[in-house]
Amino acid sequence: MRSPSRSAPAVVARMLGILNARRGERVWEVGAGTGWNAALMAHVVGPQNVTSVEVDAKVAGQAADHLERLAPAPG
């Protein structure tokens, strides 16, 4: 069984800096991992504007749980 990927905080910060996303833009992430990166992007662009996909159902479930706690859906 594989565990979710966790990138070093400095790597995530660099990737998000390069992405240079702005509020209202839409972001598509391939590989949800822990959901941390998606939560950070949701904070910037808005949770309704982030789509994160994961092929491993267990990892996807864990990421969804993390996201619900870190970046709950609006409304």
Protein backbone atom coordinates (compact mmCIF):
# COMPACT_ATOMS: atom_id res chain seq x y z
CA MET A 1 0.00 0.00 0.00
CA ARG A 2 1.35 3.39 -0.92
CA SER A 3 0.98 6.41 1.30
CA PRO A 4 -0.01 9.89 0.09
CA SER A 5 2.81 12.00 -1.25
CA ARG A 6 3.98 14.92 0.82
CA SER A 7 6.18 17.50 -0.82
CA ALA A 8 8.52 19.60 1.28
CA PRO A 9 6.96 22.94 2.25
CA ALA A 10 9.64 24.86 0.34
CA VAL A 11 8.85 22.86 -2.82
CA VAL A 12 5.10 23.48 -2.44
CA ALA A 13 5.71 27.21 -1.87
CA ARG A 14 7.88 27.36 -5.01
CA MET A 15 5.30 25.49 -7.12
CA LEU A 16 2.50 27.77 -5.95
CA GLY A 17 4.66 30.83 -6.58
CA ILE A 18 5.36 29.67 -10.14
CA LEU A 19 1.66 28.93 -10.65
CA ASN A 20 0.87 32.53 -9.65
CA ALA A 21 -2.85 31.75 -9.36
CA ARG A 22 -5.28 34.57 -8.58
CA ARG A 23 -8.71 34.66 -6.91
CA GLY A 24 -11.37 33.33 -9.26
CA GLU A 25 -9.02 31.41 -11.55
CA ARG A 26 -9.62 27.68 -11.95
CA VAL A 27 -6.95 25.13 -11.01
CA TRP A 28 -6.74 21.44 -11.89
CA GLU A 29 -4.39 19.29 -9.81
CA VAL A 30 -3.39 15.75 -10.79
CA GLY A 31 -2.51 13.64 -7.76
CA ALA A 32 -4.34 14.77 -4.63
CA GLY A 33 -1.83 13.29 -2.19
CA THR A 34 -2.72 14.51 1.30
CA GLY A 35 -4.89 17.35 0.00
CA TRP A 36 -2.59 19.98 1.48
CA ASN A 37 -1.67 21.56 -1.86
CA ALA A 38 -5.33 21.66 -2.93
CA ALA A 39 -6.23 23.33 0.37
CA LEU A 40 -3.57 25.99 -0.18
CA MET A 41 -4.78 26.60 -3.74
CA ALA A 42 -8.39 26.77 -2.51
CA HIS A 43 -7.36 29.47 -0.07
CA VAL A 44 -5.97 31.53 -2.96
CA VAL A 45 -8.44 30.94 -5.82
CA GLY A 46 -11.54 29.87 -3.85
CA PRO A 47 -12.56 26.29 -3.01
CA GLN A 48 -15.09 26.13 -5.84
CA ASN A 49 -12.26 26.75 -8.34
CA VAL A 50 -10.02 23.79 -7.43
CA THR A 51 -10.39 20.33 -8.95
CA SER A 52 -8.00 17.70 -7.64
CA VAL A 53 -8.00 14.15 -9.04
CA GLU A 54 -6.53 10.99 -7.56
CA VAL A 55 -6.57 7.44 -8.97
CA ASP A 56 -6.17 5.67 -5.62
CA ALA A 57 -9.57 5.59 -3.91
CA LYS A 58 -8.11 5.33 -0.40
CA VAL A 59 -5.75 8.27 -0.95
CA ALA A 60 -8.60 10.26 -2.52
CA GLY A 61 -10.78 9.58 0.54
CA GLN A 62 -8.05 10.70 2.92
CA ALA A 63 -7.44 13.85 0.88
CA ALA A 64 -11.19 14.59 0.86
CA ASP A 65 -11.30 14.23 4.66
CA HIS A 66 -8.34 16.60 5.04
CA LEU A 67 -9.85 19.11 2.64
CA GLU A 68 -13.18 19.12 4.45
CA ARG A 69 -11.35 20.11 7.62
CA LEU A 70 -8.89 22.55 6.01
CA ALA A 71 -10.94 24.13 3.23
CA PRO A 72 -14.64 23.36 3.77
CA ALA A 73 -16.95 23.89 0.82
CA PRO A 74 -18.77 27.23 0.90
CA GLY A 75 -22.37 27.41 1.99
